[in-house]
Protein backbone atom coordinates (compact mmCIF):
# COMPACT_ATOMS: atom_id res chain seq x y z
CA MET A 1 32.75 54.97 -66.93
CA ALA A 2 29.42 56.27 -65.61
CA GLY A 3 27.69 53.27 -67.18
CA THR A 4 30.04 50.89 -65.38
CA ASP A 5 29.46 52.67 -62.07
CA GLN A 6 25.69 52.53 -62.56
CA ARG A 7 25.91 48.80 -63.23
CA THR A 8 27.98 48.34 -60.08
CA LEU A 9 25.29 50.12 -58.09
CA ASP A 10 22.40 48.24 -59.73
CA ARG A 11 24.07 44.87 -59.13
CA ALA A 12 24.65 45.60 -55.45
CA LEU A 13 21.11 46.88 -54.92
CA ASP A 14 19.59 43.82 -56.59
CA ALA A 15 21.64 41.47 -54.38
CA ILE A 16 20.34 42.85 -51.06
CA GLU A 17 18.06 40.31 -49.39
CA PRO A 18 15.48 40.50 -46.57
CA LEU A 19 16.55 39.81 -43.00
CA HIS A 20 17.13 36.14 -42.17
CA GLU A 21 14.06 35.18 -40.11
CA THR A 22 15.31 31.74 -39.05
CA ALA A 23 18.58 33.12 -37.70
CA MET A 24 16.66 35.77 -35.77
CA ALA A 25 14.38 33.15 -34.22
CA ASP A 26 17.36 30.99 -33.26
CA ALA A 27 19.11 33.98 -31.67
CA ALA A 28 16.00 34.88 -29.69
CA ALA A 29 15.66 31.28 -28.49
CA ARG A 30 19.29 31.27 -27.34
CA LEU A 31 18.75 34.51 -25.39
CA ASP A 32 15.68 33.06 -23.67
CA ARG A 33 17.74 30.13 -22.38
CA LEU A 34 20.15 32.43 -20.54
CA THR A 35 19.90 32.96 -16.78
CA LYS A 36 17.65 36.01 -16.84
CA PRO A 37 14.00 36.80 -17.39
CA PRO A 38 13.28 36.94 -21.16
CA GLY A 39 13.84 40.42 -22.53
CA SER A 40 15.34 41.75 -19.29
CA LEU A 41 18.49 42.95 -21.07
CA GLY A 42 16.34 45.10 -23.28
CA ARG A 43 17.97 46.48 -26.39
CA LEU A 44 21.13 44.47 -25.83
CA GLU A 45 18.99 41.46 -26.68
CA THR A 46 17.43 43.28 -29.63
CA LEU A 47 20.91 43.98 -30.99
CA VAL A 48 21.80 40.28 -30.90
CA ILE A 49 18.62 39.43 -32.81
CA GLU A 50 19.21 42.19 -35.35
CA LEU A 51 22.77 40.99 -35.94
CA ALA A 52 21.41 37.51 -36.64
CA GLY A 53 18.90 38.82 -39.16
CA ILE A 54 21.46 40.97 -40.96
CA THR A 55 24.22 38.37 -41.14
CA GLY A 56 22.10 35.24 -41.44
CA ARG A 57 23.93 33.74 -38.43
CA ALA A 58 22.43 33.28 -34.98
CA ASP A 59 26.02 33.22 -33.64
CA ALA A 60 27.20 36.31 -35.54
CA THR A 61 30.53 37.64 -34.27
CA VAL A 62 31.75 41.24 -34.07
CA GLU A 63 35.43 40.62 -33.41
CA ARG A 64 36.63 42.36 -36.58
CA GLY A 65 35.33 45.92 -36.80
CA VAL A 66 36.24 48.88 -38.99
CA VAL A 67 35.13 52.51 -38.98
CA VAL A 68 35.33 54.07 -42.44
CA VAL A 69 35.85 57.84 -42.22
CA ALA A 70 35.15 59.49 -45.58
CA ALA A 71 36.66 62.95 -46.12
CA ALA A 72 35.85 65.65 -48.66
CA ASP A 73 35.44 69.40 -48.99
CA HIS A 74 32.41 71.46 -50.00
CA GLY A 75 32.33 74.42 -52.35
CA VAL A 76 29.35 75.88 -50.49
CA THR A 77 31.71 76.95 -47.70
CA ARG A 78 32.44 79.97 -49.88
CA GLN A 79 29.03 81.21 -48.75
CA GLY A 80 30.26 81.54 -45.16
CA VAL A 81 28.23 78.65 -43.71
CA SER A 82 30.86 77.25 -41.32
CA ALA A 83 32.87 78.46 -38.35
CA TYR A 84 36.05 76.82 -39.71
CA PRO A 85 38.03 77.22 -42.95
CA SER A 86 38.17 74.41 -45.51
CA ASP A 87 41.86 73.81 -44.76
CA VAL A 88 40.75 72.04 -41.58
CA THR A 89 39.49 69.05 -43.60
CA ALA A 90 42.99 68.11 -44.84
CA GLN A 91 44.51 68.90 -41.46
CA MET A 92 42.05 66.61 -39.69
CA VAL A 93 42.66 63.81 -42.19
CA ALA A 94 46.32 64.04 -41.24
CA ASN A 95 45.27 63.91 -37.59
CA PHE A 96 43.24 60.74 -38.23
CA VAL A 97 46.22 59.11 -39.92
CA GLY A 98 48.46 60.25 -37.09
CA GLY A 99 46.18 58.77 -34.45
CA GLY A 100 45.41 61.99 -32.59
CA ALA A 101 41.70 62.44 -33.19
CA ALA A 102 38.73 61.43 -31.06
CA ILE A 103 37.85 58.61 -33.47
CA ASN A 104 41.33 57.14 -33.01
CA VAL A 105 40.98 57.13 -29.23
CA LEU A 106 37.47 55.64 -29.27
CA GLY A 107 38.35 53.21 -32.04
CA ALA A 108 41.26 51.89 -29.99
CA TRP A 109 38.98 51.58 -26.96
CA ALA A 110 36.37 49.65 -28.97
CA GLY A 111 38.99 47.48 -30.64
CA VAL A 112 38.13 48.59 -34.19
CA ARG A 113 40.35 49.77 -37.02
CA VAL A 114 40.03 53.21 -38.60
CA VAL A 115 40.17 53.54 -42.39
CA VAL A 116 40.26 57.09 -43.75
CA VAL A 117 39.21 57.71 -47.36
CA ASP A 118 40.17 60.90 -49.21
CA VAL A 119 37.36 61.03 -51.72
CA GLY A 120 37.39 64.77 -52.33
CA VAL A 121 39.69 66.80 -50.06
CA ALA A 122 40.47 70.13 -51.71
CA SER A 123 44.07 70.53 -50.55
CA PRO A 124 47.14 68.34 -49.97
CA ILE A 125 47.14 66.21 -46.82
CA PRO A 126 49.87 67.37 -44.41
CA THR A 127 52.41 64.81 -43.25
CA VAL A 128 52.35 64.11 -39.53
CA GLY A 129 53.95 61.54 -37.29
CA ALA A 130 51.83 58.39 -37.14
CA ASN A 131 50.80 56.55 -34.03
CA PRO A 132 51.06 52.88 -35.09
CA GLU A 133 48.63 51.76 -32.37
CA ARG A 134 45.85 54.25 -33.12
CA GLY A 135 46.57 55.81 -36.51
CA GLY A 136 44.14 55.24 -39.36
CA ARG A 137 44.99 53.80 -42.77
CA LEU A 138 44.61 56.39 -45.56
CA VAL A 139 42.93 55.28 -48.78
CA PRO A 140 43.45 57.75 -51.67
CA ALA A 141 40.29 57.82 -53.79
CA ARG A 142 39.90 61.49 -54.71
CA ILE A 143 37.19 61.99 -57.33
CA ARG A 144 37.78 65.75 -57.50
CA GLU A 145 39.14 68.42 -55.17
CA GLY A 146 35.91 69.21 -53.33
CA THR A 147 32.46 69.88 -54.71
CA ALA A 148 31.36 73.01 -56.53
CA ASP A 149 29.29 75.69 -54.80
CA MET A 150 25.79 74.21 -54.87
CA THR A 151 24.20 77.65 -54.62
CA ALA A 152 25.36 78.32 -58.19
CA GLY A 153 24.69 74.89 -59.73
CA PRO A 154 25.15 71.18 -59.05
CA ALA A 155 27.67 70.24 -56.38
CA MET A 156 29.04 67.60 -58.76
CA SER A 157 28.10 65.84 -61.97
CA ARG A 158 25.94 62.74 -61.91
CA ALA A 159 28.92 60.74 -63.19
CA GLU A 160 31.05 61.95 -60.27
CA ALA A 161 28.33 61.06 -57.77
CA LEU A 162 28.06 57.57 -59.25
CA ARG A 163 31.84 57.20 -59.25
CA ALA A 164 31.97 58.02 -55.54
CA VAL A 165 29.13 55.59 -54.77
CA ALA A 166 30.78 52.81 -56.79
CA THR A 167 34.07 53.48 -55.00
CA GLY A 168 32.28 52.99 -51.69
CA ILE A 169 30.73 49.72 -52.88
CA ASP A 170 34.15 48.46 -53.96
CA LEU A 171 35.69 49.51 -50.64
CA ALA A 172 33.04 47.60 -48.68
CA ALA A 173 33.72 44.52 -50.81
CA THR A 174 37.48 44.82 -50.23
CA LEU A 175 37.07 45.22 -46.48
CA GLY A 176 34.65 42.30 -46.41
CA ALA A 177 37.09 40.08 -48.30
CA ASP A 178 39.76 40.90 -45.71
CA GLY A 179 37.44 39.71 -42.95
CA LEU A 180 34.93 42.11 -41.44
CA ASP A 181 32.12 41.53 -38.95
CA LEU A 182 30.93 45.07 -38.24
CA LEU A 183 31.27 48.32 -40.20
CA GLY A 184 30.93 51.79 -38.71
CA VAL A 185 30.71 54.89 -40.88
CA GLY A 186 31.93 58.41 -40.17
CA GLU A 187 32.98 61.51 -42.08
CA MET A 188 35.07 64.65 -42.14
CA GLY A 189 34.43 67.71 -44.25
CA ILE A 190 33.98 71.39 -43.48
CA GLY A 191 30.54 72.30 -44.83
CA SER A 192 29.22 68.74 -44.59
CA THR A 193 26.22 69.59 -42.43
CA THR A 194 25.09 72.07 -45.08
CA ALA A 195 25.02 69.32 -47.71
CA ALA A 196 23.41 66.88 -45.27
CA SER A 197 20.71 69.40 -44.40
CA ALA A 198 19.94 69.91 -48.08
CA ILE A 199 19.67 66.15 -48.67
CA CYS A 200 17.53 65.76 -45.57
CA ALA A 201 15.15 68.54 -46.61
CA VAL A 202 14.66 67.01 -50.06
CA LEU A 203 14.34 63.33 -49.14
CA THR A 204 12.14 63.84 -46.05
CA ASP A 205 10.15 66.70 -47.62
CA GLN A 206 10.73 68.98 -44.63
CA PRO A 207 11.42 72.75 -44.52
CA VAL A 208 15.11 73.67 -44.68
CA ALA A 209 14.92 75.71 -41.47
CA LEU A 210 13.53 72.70 -39.57
CA VAL A 211 16.42 70.37 -40.46
CA THR A 212 19.36 72.80 -40.44
CA GLY A 213 21.40 73.14 -37.27
CA ARG A 214 24.52 74.84 -35.98
CA GLY A 215 27.10 72.41 -37.36
CA THR A 216 30.48 73.44 -35.98
CA GLY A 217 28.83 75.85 -33.53
CA ILE A 218 27.95 78.80 -35.76
CA ASP A 219 26.29 81.96 -34.47
CA ASP A 220 22.81 83.23 -35.35
CA THR A 221 23.96 85.28 -38.32
CA THR A 222 25.90 82.41 -39.86
CA HIS A 223 23.02 80.01 -39.17
CA ALA A 224 20.63 82.28 -41.07
CA ARG A 225 23.15 82.50 -43.92
CA LYS A 226 23.42 78.70 -43.96
CA ILE A 227 19.64 78.25 -44.24
CA ALA A 228 19.48 80.85 -47.02
CA ALA A 229 22.31 79.12 -48.91
CA ILE A 230 20.53 75.76 -48.79
CA GLU A 231 17.23 77.27 -49.89
CA ARG A 232 19.02 78.96 -52.79
CA ALA A 233 20.70 75.69 -53.75
CA LEU A 234 17.37 73.87 -53.82
CA GLU A 235 15.83 76.63 -55.93
CA VAL A 236 18.75 76.67 -58.37
CA ASN A 237 19.07 72.89 -58.76
CA GLY A 238 15.50 71.71 -58.21
CA PRO A 239 16.50 68.21 -56.99
CA ASP A 240 13.88 65.48 -57.37
CA ARG A 241 13.48 63.32 -54.24
CA HIS A 242 12.48 60.40 -56.48
CA ASP A 243 15.99 60.49 -58.00
CA PRO A 244 18.38 59.86 -55.06
CA ILE A 245 21.55 59.97 -57.19
CA GLY A 246 20.34 63.21 -58.72
CA VAL A 247 19.88 64.65 -55.21
CA LEU A 248 23.43 63.60 -54.32
CA ALA A 249 24.82 65.25 -57.43
CA ALA A 250 22.83 68.46 -56.97
CA VAL A 251 23.34 69.23 -53.28
CA GLY A 252 25.39 66.41 -51.73
CA GLY A 253 29.00 65.83 -50.90
CA LEU A 254 31.60 63.41 -52.18
CA GLU A 255 32.08 61.92 -48.71
CA ILE A 256 28.32 61.41 -48.39
CA ALA A 257 28.25 59.73 -51.81
CA LEU A 258 31.10 57.40 -50.87
CA LEU A 259 29.29 56.44 -47.65
CA VAL A 260 26.14 55.68 -49.66
CA GLY A 261 28.24 53.13 -51.54
CA VAL A 262 29.80 51.74 -48.38
CA ILE A 263 26.34 51.23 -46.87
CA VAL A 264 25.01 49.59 -50.04
CA GLY A 265 28.09 47.36 -50.37
CA ALA A 266 27.93 46.30 -46.74
CA ALA A 267 24.21 45.51 -47.03
CA GLU A 268 24.96 43.36 -50.08
CA ALA A 269 27.62 41.47 -48.12
CA ARG A 270 25.38 41.04 -45.03
CA ILE A 271 27.74 43.15 -42.92
CA PRO A 272 25.94 45.19 -40.22
CA VAL A 273 26.39 48.95 -40.62
CA VAL A 274 26.60 51.24 -37.58
CA LEU A 275 25.66 54.82 -38.40
CA ASP A 276 27.27 57.78 -36.68
CA GLY A 277 25.42 61.10 -36.70
CA PHE A 278 23.68 63.53 -39.03
CA ILE A 279 25.93 63.31 -42.10
CA THR A 280 26.07 59.52 -42.12
CA GLY A 281 22.31 59.62 -41.59
CA ALA A 282 21.98 61.66 -44.79
CA ALA A 283 24.00 58.99 -46.60
CA ALA A 284 21.66 56.35 -45.16
CA LEU A 285 18.65 58.33 -46.43
CA VAL A 286 20.01 58.13 -49.96
CA ALA A 287 20.87 54.43 -49.65
CA VAL A 288 17.41 53.57 -48.34
CA ALA A 289 15.77 55.66 -51.06
CA LEU A 290 17.67 53.49 -53.55
CA GLN A 291 16.76 50.22 -51.77
CA PRO A 292 14.25 50.30 -48.88
CA ALA A 293 15.41 46.88 -47.61
CA ILE A 294 18.62 48.55 -46.41
CA ALA A 295 16.83 50.35 -43.55
CA LEU A 296 16.52 47.25 -41.35
CA ARG A 297 20.22 46.52 -41.86
CA LEU A 298 21.29 49.76 -40.18
CA ILE A 299 22.10 50.25 -36.51
CA ALA A 300 21.75 53.86 -35.36
CA SER A 301 24.38 54.63 -32.75
CA HIS A 302 23.12 57.92 -31.33
CA ARG A 303 20.93 60.96 -31.84
CA SER A 304 22.94 64.06 -32.72
CA VAL A 305 22.06 67.54 -31.49
CA GLU A 306 21.59 68.49 -35.15
CA PRO A 307 17.80 68.91 -35.54
CA GLY A 308 17.75 67.14 -38.88
CA HIS A 309 19.13 63.96 -37.37
CA ALA A 310 15.97 63.18 -35.41
CA VAL A 311 14.00 63.71 -38.63
CA ILE A 312 16.28 61.28 -40.47
CA LEU A 313 16.05 58.60 -37.78
CA GLU A 314 12.27 58.82 -37.75
CA HIS A 315 12.17 58.62 -41.54
CA LEU A 316 14.43 55.55 -41.49
CA GLY A 317 12.50 53.94 -38.63
CA ARG A 318 15.72 53.55 -36.63
CA ARG A 319 15.92 54.11 -32.87
CA PRO A 320 19.32 55.30 -31.60
CA LEU A 321 21.12 53.37 -28.91
CA PHE A 322 22.02 56.46 -26.88
CA ASP A 323 21.82 60.25 -26.76
CA LEU A 324 24.94 61.98 -25.45
CA ASP A 325 24.57 65.37 -27.18
CA LEU A 326 27.33 64.39 -29.62
CA ARG A 327 27.97 66.52 -32.71
CA LEU A 328 31.60 65.83 -33.63
CA GLY A 329 31.20 63.30 -36.42
CA GLU A 330 34.31 61.32 -37.43
CA GLY A 331 32.47 58.09 -36.57
CA THR A 332 32.84 58.72 -32.82
CA GLY A 333 29.26 57.70 -32.01
CA ALA A 334 29.61 54.63 -34.22
CA ALA A 335 32.76 53.53 -32.36
CA LEU A 336 31.01 53.89 -29.01
CA ALA A 337 28.09 51.83 -30.28
CA MET A 338 30.40 49.15 -31.67
CA GLY A 339 31.77 48.67 -28.18
CA LEU A 340 28.21 48.31 -26.89
CA ILE A 341 27.37 45.81 -29.62
CA GLY A 342 30.43 43.80 -28.60
CA ALA A 343 29.09 43.73 -25.03
CA ALA A 344 25.73 42.41 -26.27
CA VAL A 345 27.44 39.57 -28.13
CA ARG A 346 29.59 38.72 -25.09
CA LEU A 347 26.42 38.38 -23.01
CA ARG A 348 24.94 36.05 -25.63
CA ASP A 349 28.05 33.87 -25.68
CA ASP A 350 29.36 33.95 -22.12
CA MET A 351 26.28 33.88 -19.87
CA ALA A 352 25.23 30.54 -18.45
CA THR A 353 21.98 28.94 -19.51
CA PHE A 354 19.35 27.80 -17.02
CA GLU A 355 20.41 24.24 -17.75
CA SER A 356 24.18 24.71 -17.43
CA ALA A 357 23.88 26.73 -14.23
CA ALA A 358 21.21 24.49 -12.70
CA VAL A 359 18.93 27.51 -12.23
CA SER A 360 15.18 27.06 -12.32
CA GLY A 361 13.43 28.67 -15.26
CA PRO A 362 10.09 30.51 -15.26
CA THR A 363 7.18 28.78 -13.54
CA ALA A 364 4.73 27.25 -16.00
CA GLY A 365 1.74 29.46 -16.59
CA GLU A 366 3.44 32.70 -15.55
CA ASP A 367 4.32 35.47 -17.96
CA PRO A 368 8.11 35.06 -18.38
CA GLY A 369 8.42 38.56 -19.81
CA ALA A 370 6.70 40.33 -16.93
CA PRO A 371 8.84 42.89 -15.07
CA ALA A 372 10.11 42.15 -11.56
CA SER A 373 7.76 43.22 -8.76
CA SER A 374 8.17 46.73 -7.39
CA GLY A 375 10.84 46.96 -4.73
CA GLY A 376 12.10 43.40 -5.28
CA PRO A 377 15.32 42.13 -6.87
CA GLU A 378 15.60 42.24 -10.65
CA HIS A 379 15.44 38.45 -10.87
CA ALA A 380 12.49 38.10 -8.44
């Protein structure tokens, strides 16, 4: 089975193409015909151009969006690295399905569906009453009931890591076949920031203490214990940053591995991926280590308060759209960004052009991209 999963991964990686330059140029030309100074809508215009390059369509739509929330538990929580017990993972999955979590509220606001994947929850998912308007669809794909304690050995086997990645690739393909324009990624798993910090330290070659934050809001003593646990895990497992799947297996999480596959599968299918925070950033690090061309296909929603997230974004060369001191996860930042991306596309499609509105364009010889004069109107 591991051989099949490796072939699935290799095929997807080989199929990922560069950004579509012609579509990007066409999108930029369309934006410059709208009734505004060129570039005056800033990163909203950049988003439209990026969407064109990723999808290969200057008129790329974002009407059909999904946030995939991958859920799994972590054996390293036995080292006392979190403020919450592992039971919370299953309870929150039930909350996602029931429609009561932050991602459900923001997903409904942004007009995107929520798909929850149990790839490694350690306990049964409680049954709760579902909210048909906001509740997420649960996909059972449990590889094992949580990872092992990475301070004592690998978090999972290489075969299990590959199985989770291949499952993510298949999920992206299934969602794409159903019709998908935009894919956000999120996660749930007590102990996930510990695994993400370990991955970040290895793949960015930074000290553990520099990239390890407070996660669920732990105190100083627990934070020190968390750093020590990660350092011990790296010493015990000796992960090689030139072997991204090996890093996943040694110190990662099943939900992170699944999101690696979702990112790879979406990149193969030319579906834009909107990252959430630190944990999804760790998944992106692994995906980009496997195929560097993926980096330009990622849209970073926000910068988390987790210190390692800024390190990841710099390493990926991705600039976040906003910074709201978020640290919840679940895909909440991705959902907010998906709403913003929708606004950018609406501007592209619904604004009048200089020609259609009978508005004079820039005067010949002037710099059309120059900012408005100080104290004058924006369109001066």
